[in-house]
Amino acid sequence: SDVLLAMQNVFSVVPHLKDLMGRMLPMMGAARQENIRWVFATTFARFCESIVEYLANMEKAPNKSIKKEDFAGEVYSAYEVMFTVWLQTKEPKLRLAIVEAVGYMTHCFSPSRLT
C-alpha cells in the first residue's frame, strides 16, 4: 500500500506526494462512509508524517529542494475538509484519526496558516 511505502521509504515516496494528495482531494468530498473517511484521515496523517521525516533528514535526502511549502496547499485543503466537516462525527475512531492527522498536517502548513 502507498501508506506503508511512504513510511518505509520516505526518500522515494515524498517527492511524489504532492501529486498523490492532489488526486485524493476530489475524492475526499465524495467520501460519505465513516470507514472511508478514516482511511483518508489515516493516509494523510502518514503522508504528512513522511514529509516531516524527509525534511528532518534532509542531509540524506536525494532531492534537497523539497520544502514543506511544496505540500502546504494540498495539506491545507485536506485539513479544511477534515476539520470543518468530518470532525463533527460521533464516531470516536474517526475523530481520533482526524485529530492525529491534523497534528501531523500542521507541520506542513505555511507559517501564515497557523496564525
PDB file of N, CA and C in Angstrom:
ATOM      1  N   SER A   1       0.837  -1.194   0.000  1.00  0.00           N
ATOM      2  CA  SER A   1       0.000   0.000   0.000  1.00  0.00           C
ATOM      3  C   SER A   1       0.871   1.241   0.000  1.00  0.00           C
ATOM      4  N   ASP A   2       0.349   2.346  -0.545  1.00  0.00           N
ATOM      5  CA  ASP A   2       1.084   3.607  -0.618  1.00  0.00           C
ATOM      6  C   ASP A   2       1.449   4.131   0.759  1.00  0.00           C
ATOM      7  N   VAL A   3       0.579   3.903   1.736  1.00  0.00           N
ATOM      8  CA  VAL A   3       0.817   4.411   3.084  1.00  0.00           C
ATOM      9  C   VAL A   3       2.027   3.724   3.694  1.00  0.00           C
ATOM     10  N   LEU A   4       2.087   2.406   3.612  1.00  0.00           N
ATOM     11  CA  LEU A   4       3.220   1.653   4.147  1.00  0.00           C
ATOM     12  C   LEU A   4       4.501   2.030   3.420  1.00  0.00           C
ATOM     13  N   LEU A   5       4.425   2.170   2.121  1.00  0.00           N
ATOM     14  CA  LEU A   5       5.574   2.556   1.319  1.00  0.00           C
ATOM     15  C   LEU A   5       6.075   3.931   1.727  1.00  0.00           C
ATOM     16  N   ALA A   6       5.148   4.856   1.973  1.00  0.00           N
ATOM     17  CA  ALA A   6       5.532   6.210   2.368  1.00  0.00           C
ATOM     18  C   ALA A   6       6.284   6.213   3.684  1.00  0.00           C
ATOM     19  N   MET A   7       5.886   5.360   4.602  1.00  0.00           N
ATOM     20  CA  MET A   7       6.543   5.321   5.908  1.00  0.00           C
ATOM     21  C   MET A   7       7.891   4.598   5.844  1.00  0.00           C
ATOM     22  N   GLN A   8       8.019   3.597   5.007  1.00  0.00           N
ATOM     23  CA  GLN A   8       9.233   2.797   4.968  1.00  0.00           C
ATOM     24  C   GLN A   8      10.300   3.384   4.045  1.00  0.00           C
ATOM     25  N   ASN A   9       9.915   4.172   3.084  1.00  0.00           N
ATOM     26  CA  ASN A   9      10.865   4.689   2.109  1.00  0.00           C
ATOM     27  C   ASN A   9      10.554   6.147   1.783  1.00  0.00           C
ATOM     28  N   VAL A  10      10.707   7.003   2.779  1.00  0.00           N
ATOM     29  CA  VAL A  10      10.323   8.408   2.615  1.00  0.00           C
ATOM     30  C   VAL A  10      11.068   9.091   1.474  1.00  0.00           C
ATOM     31  N   PHE A  11      12.318   8.732   1.252  1.00  0.00           N
ATOM     32  CA  PHE A  11      13.095   9.422   0.229  1.00  0.00           C
ATOM     33  C   PHE A  11      12.613   9.117  -1.188  1.00  0.00           C
ATOM     34  N   SER A  12      11.996   7.967  -1.388  1.00  0.00           N
ATOM     35  CA  SER A  12      11.458   7.629  -2.709  1.00  0.00           C
ATOM     36  C   SER A  12      10.041   8.145  -2.902  1.00  0.00           C
ATOM     37  N   VAL A  13       9.263   8.193  -1.820  1.00  0.00           N
ATOM     38  CA  VAL A  13       7.838   8.493  -1.939  1.00  0.00           C
ATOM     39  C   VAL A  13       7.512   9.982  -1.805  1.00  0.00           C
ATOM     40  N   VAL A  14       8.157  10.664  -0.885  1.00  0.00           N
ATOM     41  CA  VAL A  14       7.800  12.063  -0.603  1.00  0.00           C
ATOM     42  C   VAL A  14       7.824  12.952  -1.850  1.00  0.00           C
ATOM     43  N   PRO A  15       8.786  12.803  -2.755  1.00  0.00           N
ATOM     44  CA  PRO A  15       8.754  13.655  -3.946  1.00  0.00           C
ATOM     45  C   PRO A  15       7.478  13.511  -4.793  1.00  0.00           C
ATOM     46  N   HIS A  16       6.726  12.435  -4.588  1.00  0.00           N
ATOM     47  CA  HIS A  16       5.510  12.192  -5.371  1.00  0.00           C
ATOM     48  C   HIS A  16       4.224  12.499  -4.596  1.00  0.00           C
ATOM     49  N   LEU A  17       4.347  12.881  -3.335  1.00  0.00           N
ATOM     50  CA  LEU A  17       3.150  13.049  -2.507  1.00  0.00           C
ATOM     51  C   LEU A  17       2.280  14.225  -2.919  1.00  0.00           C
ATOM     52  N   LYS A  18       2.860  15.290  -3.417  1.00  0.00           N
ATOM     53  CA  LYS A  18       2.044  16.441  -3.840  1.00  0.00           C
ATOM     54  C   LYS A  18       1.035  16.006  -4.900  1.00  0.00           C
ATOM     55  N   ASP A  19       1.516  15.278  -5.891  1.00  0.00           N
ATOM     56  CA  ASP A  19       0.640  14.787  -6.954  1.00  0.00           C
ATOM     57  C   ASP A  19      -0.383  13.797  -6.405  1.00  0.00           C
ATOM     58  N   LEU A  20       0.056  12.891  -5.560  1.00  0.00           N
ATOM     59  CA  LEU A  20      -0.840  11.886  -4.986  1.00  0.00           C
ATOM     60  C   LEU A  20      -1.933  12.534  -4.138  1.00  0.00           C
ATOM     61  N   MET A  21      -1.543  13.494  -3.296  1.00  0.00           N
ATOM     62  CA  MET A  21      -2.539  14.185  -2.468  1.00  0.00           C
ATOM     63  C   MET A  21      -3.508  14.977  -3.347  1.00  0.00           C
ATOM     64  N   GLY A  22      -2.992  15.583  -4.398  1.00  0.00           N
ATOM     65  CA  GLY A  22      -3.852  16.320  -5.320  1.00  0.00           C
ATOM     66  C   GLY A  22      -4.903  15.433  -5.968  1.00  0.00           C
ATOM     67  N   ARG A  23      -4.559  14.186  -6.214  1.00  0.00           N
ATOM     68  CA  ARG A  23      -5.514  13.233  -6.789  1.00  0.00           C
ATOM     69  C   ARG A  23      -6.537  12.756  -5.757  1.00  0.00           C
ATOM     70  N   MET A  24      -6.131  12.744  -4.482  1.00  0.00           N
ATOM     71  CA  MET A  24      -7.026  12.282  -3.425  1.00  0.00           C
ATOM     72  C   MET A  24      -8.061  13.341  -3.031  1.00  0.00           C
ATOM     73  N   LEU A  25      -7.693  14.607  -3.118  1.00  0.00           N
ATOM     74  CA  LEU A  25      -8.569  15.674  -2.631  1.00  0.00           C
ATOM     75  C   LEU A  25      -9.982  15.652  -3.227  1.00  0.00           C
ATOM     76  N   PRO A  26     -10.151  15.497  -4.541  1.00  0.00           N
ATOM     77  CA  PRO A  26     -11.518  15.472  -5.073  1.00  0.00           C
ATOM     78  C   PRO A  26     -12.347  14.306  -4.528  1.00  0.00           C
ATOM     79  N   MET A  27     -11.693  13.203  -4.228  1.00  0.00           N
ATOM     80  CA  MET A  27     -12.409  12.039  -3.695  1.00  0.00           C
ATOM     81  C   MET A  27     -12.843  12.249  -2.248  1.00  0.00           C
ATOM     82  N   MET A  28     -12.135  13.084  -1.521  1.00  0.00           N
ATOM     83  CA  MET A  28     -12.476  13.323  -0.118  1.00  0.00           C
ATOM     84  C   MET A  28     -13.860  13.936   0.024  1.00  0.00           C
ATOM     85  N   GLY A  29     -14.189  14.842  -0.872  1.00  0.00           N
ATOM     86  CA  GLY A  29     -15.500  15.486  -0.821  1.00  0.00           C
ATOM     87  C   GLY A  29     -16.641  14.512  -1.050  1.00  0.00           C
ATOM     88  N   ALA A  30     -16.365  13.443  -1.759  1.00  0.00           N
ATOM     89  CA  ALA A  30     -17.402  12.458  -2.061  1.00  0.00           C
ATOM     90  C   ALA A  30     -17.492  11.353  -1.004  1.00  0.00           C
ATOM     91  N   ALA A  31     -16.534  11.317  -0.087  1.00  0.00           N
ATOM     92  CA  ALA A  31     -16.500  10.259   0.930  1.00  0.00           C
ATOM     93  C   ALA A  31     -17.604  10.484   1.956  1.00  0.00           C
ATOM     94  N   ARG A  32     -18.568   9.595   2.009  1.00  0.00           N
ATOM     95  CA  ARG A  32     -19.700   9.712   2.938  1.00  0.00           C
ATOM     96  C   ARG A  32     -19.613   8.699   4.080  1.00  0.00           C
ATOM     97  N   GLN A  33     -19.047   7.540   3.805  1.00  0.00           N
ATOM     98  CA  GLN A  33     -18.974   6.491   4.819  1.00  0.00           C
ATOM     99  C   GLN A  33     -17.815   6.779   5.776  1.00  0.00           C
ATOM    100  N   GLU A  34     -18.059   6.556   7.059  1.00  0.00           N
ATOM    101  CA  GLU A  34     -17.048   6.883   8.053  1.00  0.00           C
ATOM    102  C   GLU A  34     -15.795   6.032   7.912  1.00  0.00           C
ATOM    103  N   ASN A  35     -15.938   4.780   7.480  1.00  0.00           N
ATOM    104  CA  ASN A  35     -14.741   3.955   7.318  1.00  0.00           C
ATOM    105  C   ASN A  35     -13.848   4.472   6.188  1.00  0.00           C
ATOM    106  N   ILE A  36     -14.451   5.019   5.143  1.00  0.00           N
ATOM    107  CA  ILE A  36     -13.674   5.597   4.038  1.00  0.00           C
ATOM    108  C   ILE A  36     -13.005   6.895   4.501  1.00  0.00           C
ATOM    109  N   ARG A  37     -13.716   7.689   5.266  1.00  0.00           N
ATOM    110  CA  ARG A  37     -13.132   8.913   5.813  1.00  0.00           C
ATOM    111  C   ARG A  37     -11.959   8.579   6.729  1.00  0.00           C
ATOM    112  N   TRP A  38     -12.087   7.500   7.507  1.00  0.00           N
ATOM    113  CA  TRP A  38     -11.000   7.068   8.380  1.00  0.00           C
ATOM    114  C   TRP A  38      -9.755   6.734   7.548  1.00  0.00           C
ATOM    115  N   VAL A  39      -9.954   6.061   6.420  1.00  0.00           N
ATOM    116  CA  VAL A  39      -8.833   5.707   5.543  1.00  0.00           C
ATOM    117  C   VAL A  39      -8.144   6.972   5.033  1.00  0.00           C
ATOM    118  N   PHE A  40      -8.919   7.945   4.585  1.00  0.00           N
ATOM    119  CA  PHE A  40      -8.329   9.196   4.107  1.00  0.00           C
ATOM    120  C   PHE A  40      -7.567   9.916   5.214  1.00  0.00           C
ATOM    121  N   ALA A  41      -8.157  10.018   6.394  1.00  0.00           N
ATOM    122  CA  ALA A  41      -7.512  10.718   7.509  1.00  0.00           C
ATOM    123  C   ALA A  41      -6.210  10.027   7.893  1.00  0.00           C
ATOM    124  N   THR A  42      -6.247   8.707   7.987  1.00  0.00           N
ATOM    125  CA  THR A  42      -5.053   7.949   8.356  1.00  0.00           C
ATOM    126  C   THR A  42      -3.978   8.075   7.278  1.00  0.00           C
ATOM    127  N   THR A  43      -4.389   8.043   6.036  1.00  0.00           N
ATOM    128  CA  THR A  43      -3.442   8.172   4.927  1.00  0.00           C
ATOM    129  C   THR A  43      -2.770   9.538   4.946  1.00  0.00           C
ATOM    130  N   PHE A  44      -3.558  10.608   5.110  1.00  0.00           N
ATOM    131  CA  PHE A  44      -2.963  11.944   5.162  1.00  0.00           C
ATOM    132  C   PHE A  44      -2.042  12.082   6.368  1.00  0.00           C
ATOM    133  N   ALA A  45      -2.391  11.463   7.489  1.00  0.00           N
ATOM    134  CA  ALA A  45      -1.513  11.502   8.667  1.00  0.00           C
ATOM    135  C   ALA A  45      -0.165  10.873   8.335  1.00  0.00           C
ATOM    136  N   ARG A  46      -0.191   9.695   7.718  1.00  0.00           N
ATOM    137  CA  ARG A  46       1.062   9.010   7.384  1.00  0.00           C
ATOM    138  C   ARG A  46       1.854   9.783   6.332  1.00  0.00           C
ATOM    139  N   PHE A  47       1.166  10.344   5.345  1.00  0.00           N
ATOM    140  CA  PHE A  47       1.861  11.125   4.326  1.00  0.00           C
ATOM    141  C   PHE A  47       2.551  12.333   4.951  1.00  0.00           C
ATOM    142  N   CYS A  48       1.838  13.046   5.824  1.00  0.00           N
ATOM    143  CA  CYS A  48       2.430  14.220   6.470  1.00  0.00           C
ATOM    144  C   CYS A  48       3.555  13.814   7.411  1.00  0.00           C
ATOM    145  N   GLU A  49       3.405  12.692   8.084  1.00  0.00           N
ATOM    146  CA  GLU A  49       4.475  12.175   8.935  1.00  0.00           C
ATOM    147  C   GLU A  49       5.715  11.879   8.086  1.00  0.00           C
ATOM    148  N   SER A  50       5.510  11.348   6.890  1.00  0.00           N
ATOM    149  CA  SER A  50       6.621  11.062   5.979  1.00  0.00           C
ATOM    150  C   SER A  50       7.309  12.343   5.520  1.00  0.00           C
ATOM    151  N   ILE A  51       6.525  13.372   5.258  1.00  0.00           N
ATOM    152  CA  ILE A  51       7.096  14.664   4.859  1.00  0.00           C
ATOM    153  C   ILE A  51       7.962  15.220   5.990  1.00  0.00           C
ATOM    154  N   VAL A  52       7.454  15.161   7.209  1.00  0.00           N
ATOM    155  CA  VAL A  52       8.213  15.635   8.365  1.00  0.00           C
ATOM    156  C   VAL A  52       9.516  14.846   8.499  1.00  0.00           C
ATOM    157  N   GLU A  53       9.442  13.535   8.339  1.00  0.00           N
ATOM    158  CA  GLU A  53      10.624  12.669   8.418  1.00  0.00           C
ATOM    159  C   GLU A  53      11.638  13.030   7.332  1.00  0.00           C
ATOM    160  N   TYR A  54      11.163  13.241   6.124  1.00  0.00           N
ATOM    161  CA  TYR A  54      12.026  13.617   4.992  1.00  0.00           C
ATOM    162  C   TYR A  54      12.762  14.907   5.307  1.00  0.00           C
ATOM    163  N   LEU A  55      12.012  15.910   5.737  1.00  0.00           N
ATOM    164  CA  LEU A  55      12.602  17.225   5.995  1.00  0.00           C
ATOM    165  C   LEU A  55      13.561  17.189   7.187  1.00  0.00           C
ATOM    166  N   ALA A  56      13.289  16.327   8.163  1.00  0.00           N
ATOM    167  CA  ALA A  56      14.162  16.211   9.331  1.00  0.00           C
ATOM    168  C   ALA A  56      15.487  15.527   8.979  1.00  0.00           C
ATOM    169  N   ASN A  57      15.503  14.799   7.882  1.00  0.00           N
ATOM    170  CA  ASN A  57      16.704  14.082   7.444  1.00  0.00           C
ATOM    171  C   ASN A  57      17.180  14.571   6.083  1.00  0.00           C
ATOM    172  N   MET A  58      17.061  15.862   5.872  1.00  0.00           N
ATOM    173  CA  MET A  58      17.371  16.460   4.576  1.00  0.00           C
ATOM    174  C   MET A  58      18.808  16.176   4.130  1.00  0.00           C
ATOM    175  N   GLU A  59      19.725  16.004   5.075  1.00  0.00           N
ATOM    176  CA  GLU A  59      21.117  15.747   4.687  1.00  0.00           C
ATOM    177  C   GLU A  59      21.266  14.417   3.945  1.00  0.00           C
ATOM    178  N   LYS A  60      20.332  13.479   4.160  1.00  0.00           N
ATOM    179  CA  LYS A  60      20.362  12.182   3.475  1.00  0.00           C
ATOM    180  C   LYS A  60      19.461  12.160   2.233  1.00  0.00           C
ATOM    181  N   ALA A  61      18.658  13.195   2.071  1.00  0.00           N
ATOM    182  CA  ALA A  61      17.649  13.213   1.003  1.00  0.00           C
ATOM    183  C   ALA A  61      18.292  13.377  -0.369  1.00  0.00           C
ATOM    184  N   PRO A  62      17.802  12.620  -1.352  1.00  0.00           N
ATOM    185  CA  PRO A  62      18.337  12.756  -2.711  1.00  0.00           C
ATOM    186  C   PRO A  62      17.900  14.072  -3.379  1.00  0.00           C
ATOM    187  N   ASN A  63      16.722  14.575  -3.000  1.00  0.00           N
ATOM    188  CA  ASN A  63      16.227  15.830  -3.577  1.00  0.00           C
ATOM    189  C   ASN A  63      16.176  16.869  -2.458  1.00  0.00           C
ATOM    190  N   LYS A  64      17.180  17.721  -2.415  1.00  0.00           N
ATOM    191  CA  LYS A  64      17.291  18.693  -1.332  1.00  0.00           C
ATOM    192  C   LYS A  64      16.467  19.957  -1.577  1.00  0.00           C
ATOM    193  N   SER A  65      15.772  20.020  -2.693  1.00  0.00           N
ATOM    194  CA  SER A  65      14.970  21.208  -2.993  1.00  0.00           C
ATOM    195  C   SER A  65      13.552  21.123  -2.426  1.00  0.00           C
ATOM    196  N   ILE A  66      13.166  19.990  -1.883  1.00  0.00           N
ATOM    197  CA  ILE A  66      11.812  19.817  -1.347  1.00  0.00           C
ATOM    198  C   ILE A  66      11.666  20.610  -0.050  1.00  0.00           C
ATOM    199  N   LYS A  67      10.550  21.363   0.041  1.00  0.00           N
ATOM    200  CA  LYS A  67      10.252  22.171   1.215  1.00  0.00           C
ATOM    201  C   LYS A  67       8.831  21.858   1.662  1.00  0.00           C
ATOM    202  N   LYS A  68       8.523  22.137   2.922  1.00  0.00           N
ATOM    203  CA  LYS A  68       7.168  21.869   3.411  1.00  0.00           C
ATOM    204  C   LYS A  68       6.138  22.693   2.649  1.00  0.00           C
ATOM    205  N   GLU A  69       6.530  23.870   2.187  1.00  0.00           N
ATOM    206  CA  GLU A  69       5.609  24.729   1.433  1.00  0.00           C
ATOM    207  C   GLU A  69       5.148  24.079   0.134  1.00  0.00           C
ATOM    208  N   ASP A  70       5.923  23.135  -0.376  1.00  0.00           N
ATOM    209  CA  ASP A  70       5.543  22.427  -1.607  1.00  0.00           C
ATOM    210  C   ASP A  70       4.232  21.668  -1.434  1.00  0.00           C
ATOM    211  N   PHE A  71       3.925  21.275  -0.208  1.00  0.00           N
ATOM    212  CA  PHE A  71       2.747  20.454   0.072  1.00  0.00           C
ATOM    213  C   PHE A  71       1.631  21.232   0.770  1.00  0.00           C
ATOM    214  N   ALA A  72       1.907  22.478   1.132  1.00  0.00           N
ATOM    215  CA  ALA A  72       1.005  23.244   2.001  1.00  0.00           C
ATOM    216  C   ALA A  72      -0.402  23.390   1.427  1.00  0.00           C
ATOM    217  N   GLY A  73      -0.538  23.627   0.142  1.00  0.00           N
ATOM    218  CA  GLY A  73      -1.866  23.823  -0.456  1.00  0.00           C
ATOM    219  C   GLY A  73      -2.734  22.582  -0.366  1.00  0.00           C
ATOM    220  N   GLU A  74      -2.175  21.438  -0.734  1.00  0.00           N
ATOM    221  CA  GLU A  74      -2.918  20.188  -0.685  1.00  0.00           C
ATOM    222  C   GLU A  74      -3.245  19.790   0.752  1.00  0.00           C
ATOM    223  N   VAL A  75      -2.260  19.946   1.628  1.00  0.00           N
ATOM    224  CA  VAL A  75      -2.468  19.571   3.026  1.00  0.00           C
ATOM    225  C   VAL A  75      -3.539  20.456   3.653  1.00  0.00           C
ATOM    226  N   TYR A  76      -3.490  21.757   3.369  1.00  0.00           N
ATOM    227  CA  TYR A  76      -4.481  22.656   3.961  1.00  0.00           C
ATOM    228  C   TYR A  76      -5.885  22.366   3.425  1.00  0.00           C
ATOM    229  N   SER A  77      -5.995  22.027   2.163  1.00  0.00           N
ATOM    230  CA  SER A  77      -7.308  21.678   1.599  1.00  0.00           C
ATOM    231  C   SER A  77      -7.883  20.448   2.280  1.00  0.00           C
ATOM    232  N   ALA A  78      -7.042  19.448   2.511  1.00  0.00           N
ATOM    233  CA  ALA A  78      -7.499  18.241   3.218  1.00  0.00           C
ATOM    234  C   ALA A  78      -7.876  18.577   4.656  1.00  0.00           C
ATOM    235  N   TYR A  79      -7.078  19.425   5.285  1.00  0.00           N
ATOM    236  CA  TYR A  79      -7.363  19.857   6.664  1.00  0.00           C
ATOM    237  C   TYR A  79      -8.737  20.515   6.751  1.00  0.00           C
ATOM    238  N   GLU A  80      -9.045  21.378   5.807  1.00  0.00           N
ATOM    239  CA  GLU A  80     -10.343  22.079   5.833  1.00  0.00           C
ATOM    240  C   GLU A  80     -11.504  21.093   5.800  1.00  0.00           C
ATOM    241  N   VAL A  81     -11.414  20.079   4.966  1.00  0.00           N
ATOM    242  CA  VAL A  81     -12.475  19.065   4.884  1.00  0.00           C
ATOM    243  C   VAL A  81     -12.568  18.301   6.200  1.00  0.00           C
ATOM    244  N   MET A  82     -11.437  17.839   6.689  1.00  0.00           N
ATOM    245  CA  MET A  82     -11.449  17.027   7.909  1.00  0.00           C
ATOM    246  C   MET A  82     -11.908  17.835   9.123  1.00  0.00           C
ATOM    247  N   PHE A  83     -11.375  19.033   9.271  1.00  0.00           N
ATOM    248  CA  PHE A  83     -11.645  19.806  10.479  1.00  0.00           C
ATOM    249  C   PHE A  83     -13.033  20.444  10.482  1.00  0.00           C
ATOM    250  N   THR A  84     -13.485  20.936   9.333  1.00  0.00           N
ATOM    251  CA  THR A  84     -14.768  21.648   9.312  1.00  0.00           C
ATOM    252  C   THR A  84     -15.969  20.745   9.061  1.00  0.00           C
ATOM    253  N   VAL A  85     -15.771  19.624   8.383  1.00  0.00           N
ATOM    254  CA  VAL A  85     -16.902  18.753   8.042  1.00  0.00           C
ATOM    255  C   VAL A  85     -16.840  17.434   8.808  1.00  0.00           C
ATOM    256  N   TRP A  86     -15.751  16.706   8.650  1.00  0.00           N
ATOM    257  CA  TRP A  86     -15.678  15.352   9.183  1.00  0.00           C
ATOM    258  C   TRP A  86     -15.576  15.288  10.703  1.00  0.00           C
ATOM    259  N   LEU A  87     -14.957  16.263  11.331  1.00  0.00           N
ATOM    260  CA  LEU A  87     -14.736  16.200  12.779  1.00  0.00           C
ATOM    261  C   LEU A  87     -16.040  16.238  13.566  1.00  0.00           C
ATOM    262  N   GLN A  88     -17.133  16.580  12.921  1.00  0.00           N
ATOM    263  CA  GLN A  88     -18.434  16.622  13.589  1.00  0.00           C
ATOM    264  C   GLN A  88     -19.015  15.231  13.815  1.00  0.00           C
ATOM    265  N   THR A  89     -18.350  14.200  13.357  1.00  0.00           N
ATOM    266  CA  THR A  89     -18.836  12.830  13.511  1.00  0.00           C
ATOM    267  C   THR A  89     -18.916  12.428  14.986  1.00  0.00           C
ATOM    268  N   LYS A  90     -19.768  11.488  15.265  1.00  0.00           N
ATOM    269  CA  LYS A  90     -19.882  10.949  16.624  1.00  0.00           C
ATOM    270  C   LYS A  90     -18.987   9.724  16.807  1.00  0.00           C
ATOM    271  N   GLU A  91     -18.434   9.219  15.721  1.00  0.00           N
ATOM    272  CA  GLU A  91     -17.608   8.005  15.732  1.00  0.00           C
ATOM    273  C   GLU A  91     -16.221   8.297  16.332  1.00  0.00           C
ATOM    274  N   PRO A  92     -15.916   7.740  17.514  1.00  0.00           N
ATOM    275  CA  PRO A  92     -14.646   8.051  18.184  1.00  0.00           C
ATOM    276  C   PRO A  92     -13.397   7.647  17.388  1.00  0.00           C
ATOM    277  N   LYS A  93     -13.450   6.517  16.693  1.00  0.00           N
ATOM    278  CA  LYS A  93     -12.296   6.048  15.922  1.00  0.00           C
ATOM    279  C   LYS A  93     -11.956   7.050  14.808  1.00  0.00           C
ATOM    280  N   LEU A  94     -12.979   7.579  14.148  1.00  0.00           N
ATOM    281  CA  LEU A  94     -12.764   8.559  13.085  1.00  0.00           C
ATOM    282  C   LEU A  94     -12.268   9.877  13.672  1.00  0.00           C
ATOM    283  N   ARG A  95     -12.853  10.318  14.769  1.00  0.00           N
ATOM    284  CA  ARG A  95     -12.418  11.571  15.409  1.00  0.00           C
ATOM    285  C   ARG A  95     -10.942  11.484  15.800  1.00  0.00           C
ATOM    286  N   LEU A  96     -10.532  10.354  16.353  1.00  0.00           N
ATOM    287  CA  LEU A  96      -9.137  10.166  16.741  1.00  0.00           C
ATOM    288  C   LEU A  96      -8.221  10.231  15.515  1.00  0.00           C
ATOM    289  N   ALA A  97      -8.611   9.572  14.431  1.00  0.00           N
ATOM    290  CA  ALA A  97      -7.808   9.588  13.205  1.00  0.00           C
ATOM    291  C   ALA A  97      -7.684  11.008  12.658  1.00  0.00           C
ATOM    292  N   ILE A  98      -8.770  11.779  12.718  1.00  0.00           N
ATOM    293  CA  ILE A  98      -8.747  13.160  12.227  1.00  0.00           C
ATOM    294  C   ILE A  98      -7.832  14.021  13.089  1.00  0.00           C
ATOM    295  N   VAL A  99      -7.951  13.906  14.403  1.00  0.00           N
ATOM    296  CA  VAL A  99      -7.109  14.705  15.294  1.00  0.00           C
ATOM    297  C   VAL A  99      -5.635  14.363  15.095  1.00  0.00           C
ATOM    298  N   GLU A 100      -5.330  13.077  14.927  1.00  0.00           N
ATOM    299  CA  GLU A 100      -3.950  12.675  14.665  1.00  0.00           C
ATOM    300  C   GLU A 100      -3.469  13.266  13.338  1.00  0.00           C
ATOM    301  N   ALA A 101      -4.298  13.177  12.313  1.00  0.00           N
ATOM    302  CA  ALA A 101      -3.934  13.724  11.003  1.00  0.00           C
ATOM    303  C   ALA A 101      -3.692  15.224  11.084  1.00  0.00           C
ATOM    304  N   VAL A 102      -4.586  15.933  11.760  1.00  0.00           N
ATOM    305  CA  VAL A 102      -4.448  17.389  11.888  1.00  0.00           C
ATOM    306  C   VAL A 102      -3.128  17.728  12.590  1.00  0.00           C
ATOM    307  N   GLY A 103      -2.763  16.932  13.589  1.00  0.00           N
ATOM    308  CA  GLY A 103      -1.492  17.160  14.274  1.00  0.00           C
ATOM    309  C   GLY A 103      -0.308  17.105  13.321  1.00  0.00           C
ATOM    310  N   TYR A 104      -0.264  16.088  12.482  1.00  0.00           N
ATOM    311  CA  TYR A 104       0.826  15.978  11.511  1.00  0.00           C
ATOM    312  C   TYR A 104       0.699  17.032  10.415  1.00  0.00           C
ATOM    313  N   MET A 105      -0.521  17.352  10.032  1.00  0.00           N
ATOM    314  CA  MET A 105      -0.738  18.326   8.963  1.00  0.00           C
ATOM    315  C   MET A 105      -0.202  19.705   9.333  1.00  0.00           C
ATOM    316  N   THR A 106      -0.335  20.085  10.597  1.00  0.00           N
ATOM    317  CA  THR A 106       0.114  21.422  10.995  1.00  0.00           C
ATOM    318  C   THR A 106       1.611  21.614  10.755  1.00  0.00           C
ATOM    319  N   HIS A 107       2.378  20.530  10.760  1.00  0.00           N
ATOM    320  CA  HIS A 107       3.811  20.632  10.471  1.00  0.00           C
ATOM    321  C   HIS A 107       4.071  20.978   9.006  1.00  0.00           C
ATOM    322  N   CYS A 108       3.076  20.776   8.163  1.00  0.00           N
ATOM    323  CA  CYS A 108       3.234  21.021   6.725  1.00  0.00           C
ATOM    324  C   CYS A 108       2.589  22.335   6.275  1.00  0.00           C
ATOM    325  N   PHE A 109       1.955  23.041   7.197  1.00  0.00           N
ATOM    326  CA  PHE A 109       1.341  24.331   6.859  1.00  0.00           C
ATOM    327  C   PHE A 109       2.422  25.396   6.716  1.00  0.00           C
ATOM    328  N   SER A 110       2.109  26.398   5.919  1.00  0.00           N
ATOM    329  CA  SER A 110       2.967  27.573   5.911  1.00  0.00           C
ATOM    330  C   SER A 110       2.707  28.335   7.213  1.00  0.00           C
ATOM    331  N   PRO A 111       3.694  29.054   7.719  1.00  0.00           N
ATOM    332  CA  PRO A 111       3.527  29.762   8.999  1.00  0.00           C
ATOM    333  C   PRO A 111       2.303  30.692   9.035  1.00  0.00           C
ATOM    334  N   SER A 112       1.951  31.278   7.912  1.00  0.00           N
ATOM    335  CA  SER A 112       0.808  32.199   7.889  1.00  0.00           C
ATOM    336  C   SER A 112      -0.523  31.491   8.182  1.00  0.00           C
ATOM    337  N   ARG A 113      -0.603  30.195   7.907  1.00  0.00           N
ATOM    338  CA  ARG A 113      -1.829  29.421   8.158  1.00  0.00           C
ATOM    339  C   ARG A 113      -2.033  29.159   9.643  1.00  0.00           C
ATOM    340  N   LEU A 114      -0.980  29.249  10.417  1.00  0.00           N
ATOM    341  CA  LEU A 114      -1.065  28.918  11.838  1.00  0.00           C
ATOM    342  C   LEU A 114      -1.421  30.109  12.720  1.00  0.00           C
ATOM    343  N   THR A 115      -1.583  31.266  12.122  1.00  0.00           N
ATOM    344  CA  THR A 115      -1.923  32.450  12.931  1.00  0.00           C
ATOM    345  C   THR A 115      -3.378  32.797  12.806  1.00  0.00           C
TER     346      THR A 115
END
